[in-house]
Protein backbone atom coordinates (compact mmCIF):
# COMPACT_ATOMS: atom_id res chain seq x y z
CA MET A 1 0.00 0.00 0.00
CA SER A 2 1.43 3.39 -0.96
CA SER A 3 1.85 6.05 1.71
CA ASN A 4 -0.90 8.10 0.02
CA SER A 5 -3.28 5.11 0.03
CA LEU A 6 -2.45 4.46 3.67
CA ARG A 7 -3.13 8.11 4.56
CA GLU A 8 -6.48 7.96 2.78
CA ALA A 9 -7.43 4.69 4.49
CA LEU A 10 -6.55 6.09 7.90
CA HIS A 11 -8.47 9.30 7.18
CA ALA A 12 -11.50 7.35 5.99
CA GLY A 13 -11.61 5.31 9.19
CA SER A 14 -10.36 7.56 11.95
CA TRP A 15 -13.12 10.15 11.98
CA TYR A 16 -15.99 7.77 12.63
CA ILE A 17 -14.53 5.31 15.19
CA ALA A 18 -15.82 7.15 18.28
CA ASP A 19 -19.31 7.49 16.84
CA ARG A 20 -19.33 3.82 15.83
CA ASN A 21 -19.28 2.72 19.48
CA TYR A 22 -22.23 4.99 20.22
CA LEU A 23 -24.12 3.80 17.14
CA ASN A 24 -23.47 0.13 17.91
CA HIS A 25 -24.75 0.64 21.45
CA LYS A 26 -27.94 2.22 20.12
CA ARG A 27 -28.61 -0.08 17.18
CA ASN A 28 -27.04 -3.43 16.35
CA ASP A 29 -28.87 -4.26 13.13
CA PHE A 30 -26.82 -2.32 10.58
CA GLN A 31 -23.35 -2.45 9.10
CA LEU A 32 -21.38 0.80 9.10
CA ILE A 33 -19.82 1.60 5.70
CA PRO A 34 -17.34 4.54 5.60
CA ILE A 35 -16.63 6.05 2.18
CA LEU A 36 -14.03 8.72 1.39
CA VAL A 37 -14.87 10.66 -1.77
CA ASN A 38 -12.19 12.53 -3.63
CA SER A 39 -12.36 13.98 -7.13
CA LEU A 40 -14.43 11.95 -9.62
CA ASP A 41 -15.50 12.88 -13.13
CA SER A 42 -19.19 12.61 -14.01
CA SER A 43 -18.90 9.17 -15.66
CA LYS A 44 -17.20 7.74 -12.56
CA LEU A 45 -19.80 9.40 -10.31
CA GLN A 46 -22.58 7.77 -12.31
CA LYS A 47 -20.86 4.36 -12.22
CA HIS A 48 -20.29 4.56 -8.46
CA GLY A 49 -23.87 5.73 -7.93
CA GLN A 50 -25.21 2.76 -9.85
CA LEU A 51 -23.02 0.36 -7.86
CA LEU A 52 -24.14 1.79 -4.51
CA ALA A 53 -27.82 2.49 -5.29
CA SER A 54 -29.27 -0.79 -4.03
CA TYR A 55 -27.13 -0.66 -0.88
CA LEU A 56 -28.11 2.93 -0.08
CA CYS A 57 -31.78 1.90 -0.02
CA ASN A 58 -31.08 -1.05 2.29
CA PRO A 59 -31.64 -0.16 5.99
CA THR A 60 -29.10 -2.78 7.10
CA TYR A 61 -26.30 -0.46 5.89
CA LEU A 62 -25.39 2.92 7.36
CA PHE A 63 -23.13 4.94 5.07
CA ILE A 64 -20.92 7.68 6.44
CA ILE A 65 -19.49 9.61 3.52
CA SER A 66 -16.60 12.03 3.88
CA SER A 67 -15.13 14.30 1.26
CA ASP A 68 -11.71 15.80 0.76
CA PHE A 69 -13.17 18.66 -1.27
CA CYS A 70 -11.74 21.37 0.97
CA HIS A 71 -8.02 20.70 0.84
CA TRP A 72 -6.15 23.57 -0.78
CA GLY A 73 -2.59 23.78 -2.09
CA ARG A 74 -0.20 22.37 -4.69
CA LYS A 75 -0.05 19.08 -2.82
CA PHE A 76 -3.77 18.60 -3.56
CA SER A 77 -3.60 20.03 -7.11
CA TYR A 78 -6.05 22.75 -6.12
CA THR A 79 -4.92 26.37 -5.80
CA GLN A 80 -7.94 28.23 -7.14
CA HIS A 81 -8.59 31.49 -5.33
CA ASN A 82 -10.23 34.75 -6.30
CA PRO A 83 -9.31 37.72 -4.08
CA SER A 84 -12.97 38.79 -4.15
CA ASP A 85 -13.69 35.68 -2.03
CA GLY A 86 -11.54 37.05 0.79
CA LYS A 87 -8.48 35.38 2.22
CA ILE A 88 -7.74 31.75 1.35
CA TRP A 89 -9.16 30.46 4.65
CA GLN A 90 -12.38 32.41 4.00
CA TYR A 91 -12.60 30.90 0.52
CA MET A 92 -12.08 27.41 1.96
CA GLU A 93 -14.80 28.03 4.54
CA LYS A 94 -17.15 29.15 1.77
CA LEU A 95 -16.34 25.96 -0.19
CA GLU A 96 -17.05 23.81 2.86
CA TYR A 97 -20.46 25.38 3.47
CA THR A 98 -21.32 25.23 -0.22
CA GLY A 99 -20.38 21.54 -0.28
CA MET A 100 -22.45 20.83 2.82
CA LYS A 101 -25.49 22.55 1.29
CA ILE A 102 -25.15 20.43 -1.86
CA ILE A 103 -24.87 17.23 0.19
CA GLU A 104 -27.91 18.13 2.31
């Protein structure tokens, strides 16, 4: 496993572990499925959606989906910034809230 793959796997699992214990205490009849979403083109999004559709409708699975859409910098191949959006941290905050609204 590459160091980048390992980082992604750790990120995908670390943020839900504490909540998993709470959820398992409250309800034992589902399987928790964490998914980390990065950048996908529309054809891949459609393919993944089709693969997951029947599982998403099944109440025996609980999906927790996380996104890396708000990482900024050369390391993440994303350096877009318009000064009219404020400082970089303000732009990132705006992206986060926009992303959350879309997901809701």
